[in-house]
């Protein structure tokens, strides 16, 4: 599966990239991993960034952002994780 972009309406239309690799859907923001989802059927589990198999991607570092991005850490709440999972499931079909 190729990488694809999604927009989170619950976070002011925040754009994220989803990349399937190492049996995980890696959630990427501003070039760095902010977490991942693993699926068994339609059931998903959120994986914290530090527990993701990174491959060649770095973990997201909010301290290295440019002036167009937030300067505070990006945290995903449960409703945002659910929205990401929905996007992934719709793309898988």
N, C-alpha and C. Protein backbone atom coordinates (compact mmCIF):
# COMPACT_ATOMS: atom_id res chain seq x y z
N UNK A 1 0.84 -1.18 0.00
CA UNK A 1 0.00 0.00 0.00
C UNK A 1 0.88 1.24 0.00
N UNK A 2 0.54 2.18 -0.84
CA UNK A 2 1.29 3.44 -0.90
C UNK A 2 0.88 4.35 0.25
N UNK A 3 1.75 5.27 0.58
CA UNK A 3 1.44 6.28 1.59
C UNK A 3 0.29 7.14 1.09
N UNK A 4 -0.52 7.63 2.00
CA UNK A 4 -1.61 8.52 1.63
C UNK A 4 -1.80 9.58 2.71
N UNK A 5 -2.42 10.68 2.32
CA UNK A 5 -2.65 11.80 3.24
C UNK A 5 -4.08 11.81 3.72
N UNK A 6 -4.26 12.23 4.96
CA UNK A 6 -5.58 12.43 5.53
C UNK A 6 -5.60 13.80 6.19
N UNK A 7 -6.80 14.29 6.44
CA UNK A 7 -6.98 15.56 7.14
C UNK A 7 -7.89 15.31 8.33
N UNK A 8 -7.45 15.73 9.51
CA UNK A 8 -8.25 15.56 10.72
C UNK A 8 -9.14 16.77 10.94
N UNK A 9 -10.42 16.58 10.77
CA UNK A 9 -11.34 17.69 10.99
C UNK A 9 -11.37 18.09 12.46
N UNK A 10 -11.10 17.14 13.35
CA UNK A 10 -11.13 17.43 14.79
C UNK A 10 -9.92 18.23 15.25
N UNK A 11 -8.93 18.42 14.38
CA UNK A 11 -7.74 19.22 14.71
C UNK A 11 -7.53 20.31 13.67
N UNK A 12 -8.58 21.05 13.36
CA UNK A 12 -8.50 22.16 12.41
C UNK A 12 -7.92 21.74 11.06
N UNK A 13 -8.37 20.59 10.57
CA UNK A 13 -7.98 20.09 9.24
C UNK A 13 -6.48 19.80 9.16
N UNK A 14 -5.90 19.30 10.23
CA UNK A 14 -4.49 18.95 10.28
C UNK A 14 -4.20 17.86 9.26
N UNK A 15 -3.16 18.04 8.45
CA UNK A 15 -2.78 17.06 7.43
C UNK A 15 -1.75 16.09 8.00
N UNK A 16 -2.02 14.80 7.83
CA UNK A 16 -1.12 13.74 8.27
C UNK A 16 -0.87 12.80 7.10
N UNK A 17 0.27 12.14 7.12
CA UNK A 17 0.56 11.10 6.13
C UNK A 17 0.51 9.76 6.84
N UNK A 18 -0.10 8.79 6.17
CA UNK A 18 -0.20 7.43 6.70
C UNK A 18 0.64 6.53 5.81
N UNK A 19 1.54 5.76 6.42
CA UNK A 19 2.42 4.87 5.68
C UNK A 19 2.36 3.48 6.30
N UNK A 20 1.96 2.48 5.49
CA UNK A 20 1.92 1.11 5.99
C UNK A 20 3.29 0.47 5.80
N UNK A 21 3.89 0.07 6.91
CA UNK A 21 5.19 -0.62 6.87
C UNK A 21 5.36 -1.34 8.21
N UNK A 22 6.03 -2.49 8.17
CA UNK A 22 6.31 -3.25 9.39
C UNK A 22 5.03 -3.63 10.14
N UNK A 23 3.96 -3.93 9.39
CA UNK A 23 2.66 -4.33 9.96
C UNK A 23 2.02 -3.23 10.81
N UNK A 24 2.41 -1.98 10.56
CA UNK A 24 1.87 -0.84 11.29
C UNK A 24 1.50 0.26 10.30
N UNK A 25 0.45 0.99 10.61
CA UNK A 25 0.12 2.20 9.86
C UNK A 25 0.76 3.36 10.60
N UNK A 26 1.91 3.80 10.10
CA UNK A 26 2.65 4.87 10.75
C UNK A 26 1.97 6.21 10.47
N UNK A 27 1.82 7.00 11.52
CA UNK A 27 1.19 8.32 11.42
C UNK A 27 2.32 9.34 11.43
N UNK A 28 2.41 10.09 10.33
CA UNK A 28 3.55 10.99 10.12
C UNK A 28 3.07 12.44 10.04
N UNK A 29 3.76 13.30 10.74
CA UNK A 29 3.47 14.74 10.70
C UNK A 29 4.79 15.48 10.55
N UNK A 30 4.85 16.38 9.61
CA UNK A 30 6.04 17.22 9.41
C UNK A 30 7.32 16.38 9.30
N UNK A 31 7.21 15.22 8.62
CA UNK A 31 8.37 14.38 8.37
C UNK A 31 8.76 13.44 9.49
N UNK A 32 8.03 13.43 10.60
CA UNK A 32 8.37 12.57 11.73
C UNK A 32 7.18 11.76 12.21
N UNK A 33 7.45 10.62 12.81
CA UNK A 33 6.42 9.72 13.30
C UNK A 33 5.84 10.24 14.61
N UNK A 34 4.51 10.32 14.67
CA UNK A 34 3.84 10.72 15.91
C UNK A 34 3.09 9.56 16.56
N UNK A 35 3.10 8.41 15.90
CA UNK A 35 2.43 7.23 16.43
C UNK A 35 2.13 6.27 15.29
N UNK A 36 1.39 5.21 15.62
CA UNK A 36 1.00 4.24 14.60
C UNK A 36 -0.25 3.52 15.06
N UNK A 37 -0.89 2.84 14.14
CA UNK A 37 -2.02 1.98 14.46
C UNK A 37 -1.72 0.60 13.90
N UNK A 38 -2.08 -0.42 14.68
CA UNK A 38 -2.04 -1.78 14.16
C UNK A 38 -3.48 -2.29 14.19
N UNK A 39 -3.82 -3.12 13.22
CA UNK A 39 -5.17 -3.62 13.09
C UNK A 39 -5.22 -5.13 13.14
N UNK A 40 -6.27 -5.65 13.75
CA UNK A 40 -6.66 -7.05 13.65
C UNK A 40 -8.13 -7.00 13.29
N UNK A 41 -8.43 -7.22 12.01
CA UNK A 41 -9.79 -7.02 11.53
C UNK A 41 -10.12 -5.54 11.58
N UNK A 42 -11.24 -5.20 12.19
CA UNK A 42 -11.62 -3.79 12.32
C UNK A 42 -11.23 -3.21 13.67
N UNK A 43 -10.55 -3.99 14.49
CA UNK A 43 -10.09 -3.55 15.81
C UNK A 43 -8.69 -2.98 15.68
N UNK A 44 -8.47 -1.81 16.28
CA UNK A 44 -7.16 -1.19 16.17
C UNK A 44 -6.56 -0.93 17.55
N UNK A 45 -5.25 -0.79 17.54
CA UNK A 45 -4.51 -0.46 18.75
C UNK A 45 -3.55 0.68 18.41
N UNK A 46 -3.56 1.73 19.23
CA UNK A 46 -2.65 2.85 19.04
C UNK A 46 -1.29 2.48 19.61
N UNK A 47 -0.24 2.84 18.87
CA UNK A 47 1.13 2.60 19.30
C UNK A 47 1.81 3.95 19.47
N UNK A 48 2.34 4.21 20.65
CA UNK A 48 3.03 5.47 20.91
C UNK A 48 4.26 5.57 20.02
N UNK A 49 4.64 6.80 19.70
CA UNK A 49 5.76 7.04 18.78
C UNK A 49 7.02 6.30 19.20
N UNK A 50 7.34 6.30 20.48
CA UNK A 50 8.58 5.66 20.92
C UNK A 50 8.55 4.14 20.79
N UNK A 51 7.36 3.55 20.57
CA UNK A 51 7.23 2.11 20.41
C UNK A 51 7.04 1.68 18.95
N UNK A 52 7.02 2.63 18.04
CA UNK A 52 6.84 2.34 16.61
C UNK A 52 8.16 1.85 16.02
N UNK A 53 8.06 0.86 15.12
CA UNK A 53 9.24 0.44 14.37
C UNK A 53 9.52 1.58 13.38
N UNK A 54 10.58 2.37 13.58
CA UNK A 54 10.74 3.60 12.81
C UNK A 54 11.18 3.42 11.36
N UNK A 55 11.88 2.34 11.06
CA UNK A 55 12.42 2.24 9.71
C UNK A 55 13.40 3.38 9.48
N UNK A 56 13.24 4.09 8.37
CA UNK A 56 14.15 5.20 8.08
C UNK A 56 13.58 6.55 8.47
N UNK A 57 12.42 6.56 9.11
CA UNK A 57 11.81 7.82 9.51
C UNK A 57 12.18 8.19 10.94
N UNK A 58 12.40 9.47 11.20
CA UNK A 58 12.66 9.89 12.57
C UNK A 58 11.35 10.03 13.34
N UNK A 59 11.44 10.09 14.64
CA UNK A 59 10.27 10.44 15.44
C UNK A 59 10.05 11.94 15.29
N UNK A 60 8.81 12.36 15.39
CA UNK A 60 8.49 13.78 15.28
C UNK A 60 9.13 14.55 16.43
N UNK A 61 9.78 15.65 16.11
CA UNK A 61 10.40 16.50 17.12
C UNK A 61 9.84 17.91 16.95
N UNK A 62 8.89 18.26 17.81
CA UNK A 62 8.24 19.55 17.68
C UNK A 62 9.20 20.72 17.86
N UNK A 63 10.34 20.49 18.47
CA UNK A 63 11.31 21.57 18.67
C UNK A 63 12.04 21.94 17.39
N UNK A 64 11.92 21.09 16.35
CA UNK A 64 12.60 21.36 15.08
C UNK A 64 11.64 21.85 14.00
N UNK A 65 10.47 22.32 14.39
CA UNK A 65 9.50 22.77 13.40
C UNK A 65 9.85 24.15 12.87
N UNK A 66 9.26 24.48 11.72
CA UNK A 66 9.51 25.81 11.17
C UNK A 66 8.41 26.77 11.64
N UNK A 67 8.43 27.97 11.18
CA UNK A 67 7.50 29.00 11.67
C UNK A 67 6.05 28.74 11.28
N UNK A 68 5.80 27.85 10.33
CA UNK A 68 4.42 27.57 9.89
C UNK A 68 3.76 26.45 10.66
N UNK A 69 4.47 25.82 11.59
CA UNK A 69 3.91 24.70 12.33
C UNK A 69 3.88 25.02 13.81
N UNK A 70 3.09 24.27 14.58
CA UNK A 70 2.98 24.55 16.01
C UNK A 70 4.32 24.41 16.72
N UNK A 71 4.49 25.14 17.81
CA UNK A 71 5.72 25.04 18.59
C UNK A 71 5.48 24.23 19.86
N UNK A 72 4.30 23.69 20.02
CA UNK A 72 4.01 22.84 21.17
C UNK A 72 3.89 21.40 20.70
N UNK A 73 4.06 20.45 21.59
CA UNK A 73 3.96 19.04 21.18
C UNK A 73 2.61 18.73 20.56
N UNK A 74 2.61 17.84 19.59
CA UNK A 74 1.38 17.40 18.95
C UNK A 74 0.93 16.12 19.62
N UNK A 75 -0.21 16.16 20.28
CA UNK A 75 -0.73 14.98 20.97
C UNK A 75 -2.05 14.59 20.33
N UNK A 76 -2.24 13.30 20.17
CA UNK A 76 -3.48 12.79 19.60
C UNK A 76 -4.39 12.31 20.73
N UNK A 77 -5.62 12.80 20.72
CA UNK A 77 -6.62 12.36 21.69
C UNK A 77 -7.35 11.15 21.12
N UNK A 78 -8.12 10.48 21.95
CA UNK A 78 -8.81 9.27 21.53
C UNK A 78 -9.73 9.51 20.33
N UNK A 79 -10.45 10.63 20.32
CA UNK A 79 -11.35 10.90 19.18
C UNK A 79 -10.56 11.12 17.89
N UNK A 80 -9.37 11.65 17.98
CA UNK A 80 -8.52 11.84 16.80
C UNK A 80 -7.95 10.50 16.31
N UNK A 81 -7.60 9.64 17.26
CA UNK A 81 -7.13 8.30 16.89
C UNK A 81 -8.25 7.54 16.19
N UNK A 82 -9.47 7.68 16.69
CA UNK A 82 -10.62 7.02 16.05
C UNK A 82 -10.84 7.56 14.64
N UNK A 83 -10.67 8.86 14.46
CA UNK A 83 -10.83 9.47 13.14
C UNK A 83 -9.76 8.94 12.17
N UNK A 84 -8.53 8.80 12.65
CA UNK A 84 -7.45 8.25 11.82
C UNK A 84 -7.77 6.80 11.45
N UNK A 85 -8.21 6.01 12.43
CA UNK A 85 -8.57 4.61 12.16
C UNK A 85 -9.66 4.51 11.12
N UNK A 86 -10.65 5.38 11.18
CA UNK A 86 -11.73 5.39 10.20
C UNK A 86 -11.18 5.67 8.80
N UNK A 87 -10.31 6.66 8.68
CA UNK A 87 -9.69 6.97 7.39
C UNK A 87 -8.93 5.75 6.84
N UNK A 88 -8.19 5.09 7.70
CA UNK A 88 -7.40 3.92 7.27
C UNK A 88 -8.33 2.80 6.81
N UNK A 89 -9.35 2.50 7.58
CA UNK A 89 -10.28 1.44 7.21
C UNK A 89 -10.98 1.74 5.88
N UNK A 90 -11.34 3.01 5.68
CA UNK A 90 -11.98 3.38 4.41
C UNK A 90 -11.02 3.22 3.24
N UNK A 91 -9.75 3.50 3.45
CA UNK A 91 -8.75 3.38 2.39
C UNK A 91 -8.43 1.92 2.09
N UNK A 92 -8.46 1.07 3.13
CA UNK A 92 -8.17 -0.35 2.94
C UNK A 92 -9.22 -1.06 2.09
N UNK A 93 -10.44 -0.56 2.10
CA UNK A 93 -11.54 -1.23 1.40
C UNK A 93 -11.46 -1.07 -0.09
